[in-house]
Amino acid sequence: MAGRIPRQSVAALAAAILLALLATGADQPLTFNQRVVMSHISADSLRGNLSFLASDLLEGRATPSRGLDLAAEYLAAQFRRVGLEPAGDDGYFQTATVTLREPNRDGFSMTITAGGRTMTVAPNEAYILPPAPLRLDDVELVIADGSQPLTAEAVNGKAILITTQRIRFPQGARPALVLTMASVLPSEPQVASPDTRTQPITAGVIAKPALEDFVRGAADARITLHANAASEKAVRVRNVAAILRGSDPQLRDTYVMLSSHYDHLGMASSGDDRIYNGANDDGSGSSSVIEVASALAALPVPPKRSVLFILFFGEERGLWGSRFYAAHPLVPPGQTIAQLNLEQVGRTDASDGPQIKTASITGYDFSELPGILTDAAQAAGVKVYKNPQNSDAYFGRSDNQSLADLGIPAHTLCVAFDFPDYHRVTDSWEKIDYDNMATVDRAVAFGMLRLASDATPPKWNEQYAPARRYVDAARRLHP
């Protein structure tokens, strides 16, 4: 397999590693495989990859965008470079389609009447996306200001104008139109996830400051609206996936996953610096996945189990890429024993204090996986611990959630839950602690070696109440 070390080089490599890597701070000497992967993870390599992924050229890697596509090609090239097996439906890519929707303002007209007066809303003052041509003629307009709860009878078949954020619709509500107020209309198309079906309820935004005063206190407001169906455009997005095939005849058809998301927030609408570079969130995770993949691919004999490396699109939009994977898995979920997801592993200046040679895992008590990683990381001199405030709270906030919902023990490892530049344009690659990142990545690689070599897969913790839904999912996965 391309990228493997020739047999005649193994002895020379072993000698070099034994001379160069005599100690790591661990009590026990490293195994040969640990020394191989350790020697293939470096701060300079991480700096080189991350400085490209978080560069201005990629314009913040929004889902979808040209920058996201460039990042996907780059990540696939790194898998190709070390000879990993393509795992997607199109080489290294698992393809999905998102839908861009914009208002079609041809023939648009809107008038609102209240108290014997009429107000016209111009096409450039509304952002409405009906899935089909919408025609409302003199329909009752319910003003939802939070002063009283809404009932299904009050909203069904009617238009609703929401003037406060404290509104809850009753179960089974079927309004004909839901409008909200804003000072500025959206400037870009709405993006619908790959698994979103057209919603029967049309929603829209009105940017007309005088409208709220116009309808305030009105008991007889009505609306007439004619709008064409929204313009739609299908756009391809891609997860990037590769496999290191296992070496054991009995275990090579079981899988361990290492993942991160490679998208970020894209670009701000204004400002001197508009690009959300997303170096730590989550260029650091993506760079780490390809670094660990390269290290494991250098082993003379691969681990017993196969390892699936995957980078997800659309995490920032709501775990889109991992949810798409869960609905369209590339390897059988029932044969996937664990997933480790990487988030924000590059910054050590966490908001709760410096994090040097430490890492935390979400849902630490949910399964046996965190304990396995804690034990394996010691050999790299890294302390993996439970953050008492954030461990459970952050469990559902990254791409491990999508696999956990299937019943697969899945957790996210991070160095800093929060850091000074989180979701700001100042999250740049120059602020990463690359030496510490390399150390943490070695711990991750040791954990992957352990998971891919142990005969017994990790299990969910049946005694921990927050994990019981995943215990039940695992029973459905393995009836």
Protein backbone atom coordinates (compact mmCIF):
# COMPACT_ATOMS: atom_id res chain seq x y z
CA MET A 1 0.00 0.00 0.00
CA ALA A 2 1.38 3.40 -0.94
CA GLY A 3 2.78 5.40 1.96
CA ARG A 4 3.89 2.31 3.98
CA ILE A 5 7.50 1.92 5.11
CA PRO A 6 9.44 -0.67 3.07
CA ARG A 7 10.46 -3.71 5.13
CA GLN A 8 14.16 -2.99 4.62
CA SER A 9 13.67 0.42 6.25
CA VAL A 10 12.01 -0.87 9.41
CA ALA A 11 15.23 -1.68 11.23
CA ALA A 12 16.78 1.67 10.37
CA LEU A 13 13.63 3.47 11.41
CA ALA A 14 13.49 1.59 14.71
CA ALA A 15 17.11 2.47 15.48
CA ALA A 16 16.54 6.14 14.69
CA ILE A 17 13.44 6.31 16.83
CA LEU A 18 15.07 4.56 19.78
CA LEU A 19 17.98 7.01 19.67
CA ALA A 20 15.89 10.14 19.14
CA LEU A 21 12.94 9.41 21.44
CA LEU A 22 14.27 8.00 24.69
CA ALA A 23 11.72 9.57 27.03
CA THR A 24 8.27 11.17 27.01
CA GLY A 25 7.63 11.71 30.69
CA ALA A 26 5.68 8.46 30.93
CA ASP A 27 6.49 5.78 33.51
CA GLN A 28 6.53 2.96 30.94
CA PRO A 29 8.70 2.79 27.82
CA LEU A 30 6.90 3.36 24.54
CA THR A 31 6.02 0.50 22.25
CA PHE A 32 7.51 0.36 18.78
CA ASN A 33 4.23 1.49 17.19
CA GLN A 34 3.95 4.40 19.62
CA ARG A 35 7.44 5.54 18.72
CA VAL A 36 6.66 5.33 15.01
CA VAL A 37 3.55 7.50 15.23
CA MET A 38 5.23 9.88 17.68
CA SER A 39 8.07 10.51 15.27
CA HIS A 40 5.62 11.37 12.47
CA ILE A 41 3.76 14.13 14.34
CA SER A 42 5.46 17.52 14.39
CA ALA A 43 4.66 21.10 15.21
CA ASP A 44 6.07 22.27 11.87
CA SER A 45 3.84 19.94 9.89
CA LEU A 46 0.78 21.13 11.83
CA ARG A 47 1.78 24.76 11.31
CA GLY A 48 2.14 24.22 7.57
CA ASN A 49 -1.27 22.59 7.14
CA LEU A 50 -3.17 24.92 9.45
CA SER A 51 -1.67 28.10 8.02
CA PHE A 52 -3.25 27.14 4.69
CA LEU A 53 -6.60 25.94 6.01
CA ALA A 54 -7.01 29.14 8.05
CA SER A 55 -5.64 31.49 5.38
CA ASP A 56 -7.58 34.42 3.95
CA LEU A 57 -7.65 32.60 0.60
CA LEU A 58 -10.26 30.19 1.97
CA GLU A 59 -12.50 33.07 3.11
CA GLY A 60 -13.69 31.42 6.31
CA ARG A 61 -14.80 28.07 4.82
CA ALA A 62 -18.54 28.72 5.05
CA THR A 63 -20.98 25.94 4.08
CA PRO A 64 -21.27 26.20 1.10
CA SER A 65 -18.48 28.30 -0.41
CA ARG A 66 -15.50 28.24 -2.73
CA GLY A 67 -13.24 28.28 0.33
CA LEU A 68 -14.90 25.15 1.70
CA ASP A 69 -14.33 23.41 -1.63
CA LEU A 70 -10.66 24.43 -1.64
CA ALA A 71 -10.25 23.08 1.89
CA ALA A 72 -11.89 19.78 0.90
CA GLU A 73 -9.50 19.35 -2.03
CA TYR A 74 -6.53 20.11 0.20
CA LEU A 75 -7.59 17.62 2.85
CA ALA A 76 -8.19 14.93 0.24
CA ALA A 77 -4.71 15.61 -1.15
CA GLN A 78 -3.19 14.94 2.29
CA PHE A 79 -4.98 11.59 2.52
CA ARG A 80 -3.83 10.80 -1.01
CA ARG A 81 -0.24 11.79 -0.16
CA VAL A 82 0.08 9.13 2.56
CA GLY A 83 -1.68 6.43 0.56
CA LEU A 84 -4.92 6.08 2.53
CA GLU A 85 -7.81 4.29 0.86
CA PRO A 86 -10.62 6.55 -0.44
CA ALA A 87 -13.81 6.01 1.57
CA GLY A 88 -16.37 8.25 -0.14
CA ASP A 89 -18.85 7.82 -2.95
CA ASP A 90 -16.59 9.97 -5.14
CA GLY A 91 -13.05 9.08 -4.24
CA TYR A 92 -12.24 10.76 -0.94
CA PHE A 93 -15.50 12.74 -1.00
CA GLN A 94 -18.92 11.91 0.39
CA THR A 95 -21.17 14.22 -1.58
CA ALA A 96 -24.34 15.93 -0.40
CA THR A 97 -26.48 18.75 -1.74
CA VAL A 98 -27.61 21.88 0.07
CA THR A 99 -30.21 24.23 -1.34
CA LEU A 100 -29.77 28.00 -1.65
CA ARG A 101 -33.06 29.89 -1.53
CA GLU A 102 -33.62 33.55 -2.41
CA PRO A 103 -36.78 35.62 -2.76
CA ASN A 104 -38.26 35.89 -6.24
CA ARG A 105 -39.52 39.45 -6.17
CA ASP A 106 -41.08 39.47 -9.64
CA GLY A 107 -44.75 40.35 -9.26
CA PHE A 108 -44.41 40.82 -5.49
CA SER A 109 -47.06 42.90 -3.73
CA MET A 110 -47.97 43.29 -0.06
CA THR A 111 -50.42 45.54 1.75
CA ILE A 112 -51.42 45.56 5.40
CA THR A 113 -54.57 47.23 6.69
CA ALA A 114 -55.34 48.17 10.30
CA GLY A 115 -57.73 50.67 11.84
CA GLY A 116 -58.99 51.80 8.46
CA ARG A 117 -55.48 52.60 7.22
CA THR A 118 -53.33 50.83 4.61
CA MET A 119 -49.56 50.36 4.49
CA THR A 120 -47.67 49.04 1.47
CA VAL A 121 -44.56 46.90 1.92
CA ALA A 122 -42.18 47.25 -1.02
CA PRO A 123 -40.36 44.25 -2.53
CA ASN A 124 -37.02 45.44 -1.12
CA GLU A 125 -38.53 45.61 2.38
CA ALA A 126 -39.44 41.92 2.56
CA TYR A 127 -37.53 38.62 2.46
CA ILE A 128 -40.09 35.88 1.92
CA LEU A 129 -39.33 32.36 0.70
CA PRO A 130 -42.54 30.52 -0.21
CA PRO A 131 -41.95 26.96 -1.48
CA ALA A 132 -44.77 27.53 -3.99
CA PRO A 133 -46.54 30.66 -5.30
CA LEU A 134 -48.28 32.29 -2.36
CA ARG A 135 -51.52 34.25 -2.63
CA LEU A 136 -53.19 35.67 0.47
CA ASP A 137 -56.15 37.95 -0.16
CA ASP A 138 -57.42 39.97 2.80
CA VAL A 139 -56.32 37.33 5.35
CA GLU A 140 -56.43 38.02 9.09
CA LEU A 141 -53.04 39.13 10.44
CA VAL A 142 -52.48 38.04 14.05
CA ILE A 143 -50.09 40.30 15.97
CA ALA A 144 -48.02 38.07 18.26
CA ASP A 145 -46.50 40.42 20.84
CA GLY A 146 -46.26 37.97 23.73
CA SER A 147 -49.09 39.54 25.68
CA GLN A 148 -51.10 36.33 25.55
CA PRO A 149 -50.43 32.70 24.59
CA LEU A 150 -51.24 31.58 21.06
CA THR A 151 -53.68 28.76 20.42
CA ALA A 152 -53.95 26.58 17.34
CA GLU A 153 -57.37 28.07 16.64
CA ALA A 154 -55.91 31.57 16.75
CA VAL A 155 -53.18 30.90 14.19
CA ASN A 156 -54.30 28.13 11.83
CA GLY A 157 -54.76 29.41 8.29
CA LYS A 158 -53.83 32.96 9.30
CA ALA A 159 -50.79 35.19 8.88
CA ILE A 160 -48.74 35.85 12.03
CA LEU A 161 -46.58 38.94 12.63
CA ILE A 162 -44.15 38.33 15.50
CA THR A 163 -43.02 41.50 17.26
CA THR A 164 -41.20 39.87 20.20
CA GLN A 165 -38.78 36.99 20.69
CA ARG A 166 -40.89 35.35 23.41
CA ILE A 167 -43.32 33.48 21.17
CA ARG A 168 -44.11 29.78 21.24
CA PHE A 169 -46.42 28.20 18.71
CA PRO A 170 -48.78 25.49 19.95
CA GLN A 171 -48.24 21.94 18.78
CA GLY A 172 -49.97 21.31 15.47
CA ALA A 173 -50.15 25.01 14.54
CA ARG A 174 -50.53 25.60 10.79
CA PRO A 175 -50.36 29.32 10.02
CA ALA A 176 -50.40 30.37 6.38
CA LEU A 177 -47.47 32.77 6.89
CA VAL A 178 -45.11 33.74 9.73
CA LEU A 179 -43.41 37.14 9.56
CA THR A 180 -40.75 38.57 11.86
CA MET A 181 -39.38 42.10 12.15
CA ALA A 182 -35.76 43.10 11.50
CA SER A 183 -33.84 46.32 10.96
CA VAL A 184 -31.98 44.87 7.97
CA LEU A 185 -32.98 42.07 5.60
CA PRO A 186 -30.72 39.03 5.10
CA SER A 187 -28.06 39.82 2.51
CA GLU A 188 -27.35 36.24 1.42
CA PRO A 189 -29.43 33.26 0.34
CA GLN A 190 -30.95 30.99 2.93
CA VAL A 191 -29.13 27.64 3.03
CA ALA A 192 -31.16 24.49 3.64
CA SER A 193 -29.39 21.39 4.95
CA PRO A 194 -29.09 18.22 2.84
CA ASP A 195 -31.91 16.50 4.72
CA THR A 196 -34.31 19.46 4.93
CA ARG A 197 -37.58 18.97 3.13
CA THR A 198 -39.68 21.87 1.93
CA GLN A 199 -41.64 23.22 4.87
CA PRO A 200 -45.41 23.72 4.43
CA ILE A 201 -45.27 26.97 6.42
CA THR A 202 -43.84 30.03 4.70
CA ALA A 203 -41.66 32.33 6.80
CA GLY A 204 -40.42 35.80 6.02
CA VAL A 205 -38.70 38.90 7.38
CA ILE A 206 -39.99 42.48 7.13
CA ALA A 207 -37.63 45.47 7.41
CA LYS A 208 -40.04 48.39 7.77
CA PRO A 209 -39.63 50.19 11.09
CA ALA A 210 -42.98 51.97 10.86
CA LEU A 211 -44.91 48.70 10.61
CA GLU A 212 -44.75 47.81 14.31
CA ASP A 213 -46.31 51.12 15.36
CA PHE A 214 -48.82 50.81 12.51
CA VAL A 215 -50.25 47.53 13.82
CA ARG A 216 -49.71 48.05 17.57
CA GLY A 217 -52.97 47.47 19.40
CA ALA A 218 -54.88 46.73 16.19
CA ALA A 219 -57.62 44.12 16.45
CA ASP A 220 -58.54 44.19 12.79
CA ALA A 221 -55.20 43.84 10.97
CA ARG A 222 -55.34 42.03 7.65
CA ILE A 223 -52.82 41.25 4.91
CA THR A 224 -52.86 40.83 1.15
CA LEU A 225 -49.73 39.21 -0.27
CA HIS A 226 -48.81 37.90 -3.71
CA ALA A 227 -45.36 36.27 -3.96
CA ASN A 228 -43.78 33.87 -6.40
CA ALA A 229 -42.05 30.71 -5.25
CA ALA A 230 -38.52 31.29 -3.97
CA SER A 231 -35.64 30.84 -6.40
CA GLU A 232 -33.68 27.69 -5.56
CA LYS A 233 -30.21 26.50 -6.49
CA ALA A 234 -28.66 23.16 -5.57
CA VAL A 235 -25.02 23.29 -4.44
CA ARG A 236 -22.70 20.37 -3.73
CA VAL A 237 -20.95 20.05 -0.37
CA ARG A 238 -18.64 17.25 0.74
CA ASN A 239 -17.38 15.30 3.70
CA VAL A 240 -13.79 14.13 3.19
CA ALA A 241 -13.10 10.53 4.19
CA ALA A 242 -10.31 7.96 4.03
CA ILE A 243 -9.62 4.53 5.54
CA LEU A 244 -6.52 2.90 6.94
CA ARG A 245 -7.45 -0.74 6.44
CA GLY A 246 -6.85 -2.97 9.47
CA SER A 247 -4.43 -5.89 9.51
CA ASP A 248 -6.35 -8.49 11.55
CA PRO A 249 -8.57 -10.85 9.51
CA GLN A 250 -11.19 -10.94 12.29
CA LEU A 251 -11.16 -7.23 13.21
CA ARG A 252 -10.36 -5.43 9.94
CA ASP A 253 -14.08 -5.13 9.16
CA THR A 254 -14.68 -3.20 12.38
CA TYR A 255 -13.92 0.51 12.53
CA VAL A 256 -12.72 3.32 14.76
CA MET A 257 -13.50 6.88 13.60
CA LEU A 258 -11.34 9.99 14.03
CA SER A 259 -13.11 13.17 12.93
CA SER A 260 -13.38 16.93 13.03
CA HIS A 261 -15.28 19.58 11.11
CA TYR A 262 -13.44 21.65 8.53
CA ASP A 263 -16.00 24.41 7.94
CA HIS A 264 -16.27 27.73 9.75
CA LEU A 265 -18.37 30.92 9.65
CA GLY A 266 -17.30 32.44 6.34
CA MET A 267 -17.20 36.22 6.06
CA ALA A 268 -18.78 39.11 7.95
CA SER A 269 -20.90 41.58 6.01
CA SER A 270 -18.73 44.56 6.98
CA GLY A 271 -15.52 45.57 8.75
CA ASP A 272 -11.85 46.01 7.93
CA ASP A 273 -11.23 42.30 8.59
CA ARG A 274 -14.22 40.33 7.37
CA ILE A 275 -12.80 36.80 7.31
CA TYR A 276 -13.55 34.32 10.08
CA ASN A 277 -10.40 32.25 9.60
CA GLY A 278 -11.40 29.59 12.15
CA ALA A 279 -7.87 28.47 12.98
CA ASN A 280 -8.64 26.88 16.34
CA ASP A 281 -12.32 26.25 15.49
CA ASP A 282 -11.77 23.90 13.82
CA GLY A 283 -8.77 24.17 11.56
CA SER A 284 -6.81 22.76 14.49
CA GLY A 285 -9.00 19.65 14.58
CA SER A 286 -8.79 19.14 10.82
CA SER A 287 -5.02 19.57 10.79
CA SER A 288 -4.77 17.11 13.66
CA VAL A 289 -6.87 14.49 11.87
CA ILE A 290 -4.61 14.52 8.82
CA GLU A 291 -1.50 14.58 11.04
CA VAL A 292 -2.63 11.52 13.00
CA ALA A 293 -3.72 9.83 9.77
CA SER A 294 -0.26 10.37 8.31
CA ALA A 295 1.38 8.98 11.44
CA LEU A 296 -0.76 5.84 11.57
CA ALA A 297 -0.27 5.30 7.84
CA ALA A 298 3.50 5.15 8.48
CA LEU A 299 3.22 2.00 10.61
CA PRO A 300 4.89 -1.02 9.02
CA VAL A 301 1.84 -3.09 10.05
CA PRO A 302 -1.48 -1.25 10.49
CA PRO A 303 -3.56 -1.67 13.65
CA LYS A 304 -5.91 -4.64 13.84
CA ARG A 305 -9.07 -2.62 13.23
CA SER A 306 -9.64 -0.26 10.33
CA VAL A 307 -9.57 3.46 11.04
CA LEU A 308 -11.95 5.84 9.27
CA PHE A 309 -10.71 9.42 9.11
CA ILE A 310 -13.44 11.91 8.23
CA LEU A 311 -13.74 15.71 8.03
CA PHE A 312 -17.30 17.07 8.18
CA PHE A 313 -18.87 20.06 6.46
CA GLY A 314 -21.52 22.26 8.06
CA GLU A 315 -20.90 21.75 11.77
CA GLU A 316 -21.34 25.47 12.32
CA ARG A 317 -24.78 25.31 10.68
CA GLY A 318 -26.01 22.57 12.99
CA LEU A 319 -23.89 19.40 12.61
CA TRP A 320 -24.99 19.06 8.98
CA GLY A 321 -22.07 16.98 7.72
CA SER A 322 -22.07 14.48 10.57
CA ARG A 323 -25.86 14.18 10.50
CA PHE A 324 -25.64 13.50 6.77
CA TYR A 325 -23.02 10.84 7.48
CA ALA A 326 -25.22 9.25 10.16
CA ALA A 327 -28.06 9.04 7.63
CA HIS A 328 -25.73 7.75 4.88
CA PRO A 329 -22.87 5.92 6.65
CA LEU A 330 -19.78 4.98 4.67
CA VAL A 331 -19.05 1.99 6.91
CA PRO A 332 -21.65 -0.04 8.84
CA PRO A 333 -22.62 1.67 12.13
CA GLY A 334 -23.03 -1.74 13.75
CA GLN A 335 -19.36 -2.43 13.02
CA THR A 336 -18.15 1.01 14.16
CA ILE A 337 -16.95 0.63 17.74
CA ALA A 338 -16.10 4.27 18.60
CA GLN A 339 -15.70 7.82 17.34
CA LEU A 340 -13.28 10.41 18.66
CA ASN A 341 -14.01 13.93 17.42
CA LEU A 342 -11.47 16.77 17.72
CA GLU A 343 -12.45 20.38 18.44
CA GLN A 344 -10.30 23.38 19.37
CA VAL A 345 -7.09 21.54 20.16
CA GLY A 346 -4.67 24.30 19.14
CA ARG A 347 -5.11 27.10 21.68
CA THR A 348 -3.80 26.76 25.22
CA ASP A 349 -5.00 30.20 26.42
CA ALA A 350 -8.40 28.94 27.54
CA SER A 351 -10.79 31.30 29.27
CA ASP A 352 -10.56 29.18 32.44
CA GLY A 353 -6.75 29.23 32.53
CA PRO A 354 -3.75 27.88 30.58
CA GLN A 355 -4.09 24.33 29.30
CA ILE A 356 -0.63 22.83 28.75
CA LYS A 357 -0.36 19.09 28.07
CA THR A 358 -3.99 18.65 29.04
CA ALA A 359 -7.18 17.78 27.16
CA SER A 360 -10.79 17.32 28.16
CA ILE A 361 -13.43 14.98 26.76
CA THR A 362 -17.12 15.74 26.56
CA GLY A 363 -19.45 13.29 28.27
CA TYR A 364 -16.59 11.86 30.29
CA ASP A 365 -18.86 9.56 32.30
CA PHE A 366 -21.06 8.54 29.36
CA SER A 367 -18.97 5.59 28.17
CA GLU A 368 -15.72 3.67 28.63
CA LEU A 369 -14.07 5.57 25.77
CA PRO A 370 -12.79 8.55 27.82
CA GLY A 371 -11.12 6.23 30.32
CA ILE A 372 -9.35 4.38 27.50
CA LEU A 373 -8.09 7.67 26.07
CA THR A 374 -7.05 8.93 29.50
CA ASP A 375 -4.92 5.85 30.02
CA ALA A 376 -3.41 5.92 26.52
CA ALA A 377 -2.59 9.64 26.69
CA GLN A 378 -0.35 9.18 29.73
CA ALA A 379 2.30 7.64 27.49
CA ALA A 380 2.49 10.95 25.61
CA GLY A 381 2.69 12.96 28.82
CA VAL A 382 -0.84 14.35 28.41
CA LYS A 383 -3.44 14.52 31.17
CA VAL A 384 -6.95 13.83 29.87
CA TYR A 385 -9.51 14.90 32.43
CA LYS A 386 -13.17 15.61 33.08
CA ASN A 387 -14.08 19.30 33.07
CA PRO A 388 -16.79 19.43 35.76
CA GLN A 389 -18.62 22.42 34.26
CA ASN A 390 -18.40 21.58 30.56
CA SER A 391 -18.04 17.83 30.13
CA ASP A 392 -21.74 16.97 30.02
CA ALA A 393 -22.94 20.41 28.89
CA TYR A 394 -20.89 20.30 25.69
CA PHE A 395 -21.58 16.68 24.76
CA GLY A 396 -24.21 17.58 22.16
CA ARG A 397 -22.44 20.62 20.73
CA SER A 398 -20.18 18.94 18.19
CA ASP A 399 -20.14 16.16 15.63
CA ASN A 400 -19.88 13.31 18.14
CA GLN A 401 -23.60 13.81 18.82
CA SER A 402 -24.65 12.49 15.40
CA LEU A 403 -22.82 9.19 15.93
CA ALA A 404 -23.87 8.90 19.57
CA ASP A 405 -27.48 9.10 18.40
CA LEU A 406 -26.83 5.92 16.43
CA GLY A 407 -25.61 4.16 19.56
CA ILE A 408 -21.87 4.42 18.83
CA PRO A 409 -19.69 5.53 21.79
CA ALA A 410 -18.67 8.96 20.52
CA HIS A 411 -17.03 11.88 22.30
CA THR A 412 -15.26 15.15 21.49
CA LEU A 413 -11.78 15.95 22.77
CA CYS A 414 -10.70 19.56 23.13
CA VAL A 415 -8.00 21.61 24.82
CA ALA A 416 -9.96 24.86 25.31
CA PHE A 417 -13.74 24.86 25.54
CA ASP A 418 -13.61 28.64 25.27
CA PHE A 419 -10.81 30.97 24.25
CA PRO A 420 -10.49 34.73 23.63
CA ASP A 421 -11.09 34.64 19.85
CA TYR A 422 -13.94 32.13 19.74
CA HIS A 423 -16.12 32.83 16.67
CA ARG A 424 -14.27 36.07 15.95
CA VAL A 425 -12.29 37.16 12.92
CA THR A 426 -9.21 37.16 15.16
CA ASP A 427 -9.08 33.34 15.42
CA SER A 428 -5.90 33.17 13.31
CA TRP A 429 -3.26 30.50 12.79
CA GLU A 430 -0.45 32.58 14.32
CA LYS A 431 -2.06 32.24 17.78
CA ILE A 432 -1.89 28.43 17.88
CA ASP A 433 0.49 26.69 20.31
CA TYR A 434 1.88 24.20 17.81
CA ASP A 435 4.26 22.44 20.20
CA ASN A 436 1.43 21.67 22.60
CA MET A 437 -0.85 20.74 19.72
CA ALA A 438 1.70 18.19 18.52
CA THR A 439 1.91 16.73 22.02
CA VAL A 440 -1.88 16.40 22.26
CA ASP A 441 -2.00 14.85 18.79
CA ARG A 442 0.49 12.21 19.89
CA ALA A 443 -1.85 11.38 22.76
CA VAL A 444 -4.73 11.15 20.28
CA ALA A 445 -2.69 8.84 18.06
CA PHE A 446 -1.87 6.62 21.03
CA GLY A 447 -5.57 6.48 21.86
CA MET A 448 -6.44 5.49 18.31
CA LEU A 449 -3.79 2.75 18.42
CA ARG A 450 -5.35 1.42 21.60
CA LEU A 451 -8.93 1.52 20.27
CA ALA A 452 -7.92 -0.06 16.97
CA SER A 453 -6.01 -2.86 18.71
CA ASP A 454 -8.12 -3.85 21.72
CA ALA A 455 -10.31 -6.89 21.25
CA THR A 456 -13.13 -5.51 23.43
CA PRO A 457 -14.97 -2.40 22.16
CA PRO A 458 -15.89 0.40 24.60
CA LYS A 459 -19.44 0.42 25.95
CA TRP A 460 -21.87 3.06 27.16
CA ASN A 461 -22.22 3.51 30.91
CA GLU A 462 -25.58 1.98 31.83
CA GLN A 463 -25.36 3.37 35.37
CA TYR A 464 -25.08 7.03 34.32
CA ALA A 465 -28.54 8.54 33.80
CA PRO A 466 -27.61 11.09 31.06
CA ALA A 467 -26.19 8.24 28.96
CA ARG A 468 -29.26 6.00 29.05
CA ARG A 469 -30.66 7.25 25.75
CA TYR A 470 -27.39 6.15 24.12
CA VAL A 471 -27.49 2.82 25.91
CA ASP A 472 -30.93 2.30 24.38
CA ALA A 473 -29.65 3.37 20.94
CA ALA A 474 -26.79 0.86 21.23
CA ARG A 475 -29.28 -1.90 22.01
CA ARG A 476 -31.19 -1.03 18.85
CA LEU A 477 -27.93 -0.99 16.91
CA HIS A 478 -26.89 -4.38 18.31
CA PRO A 479 -30.20 -6.22 18.92
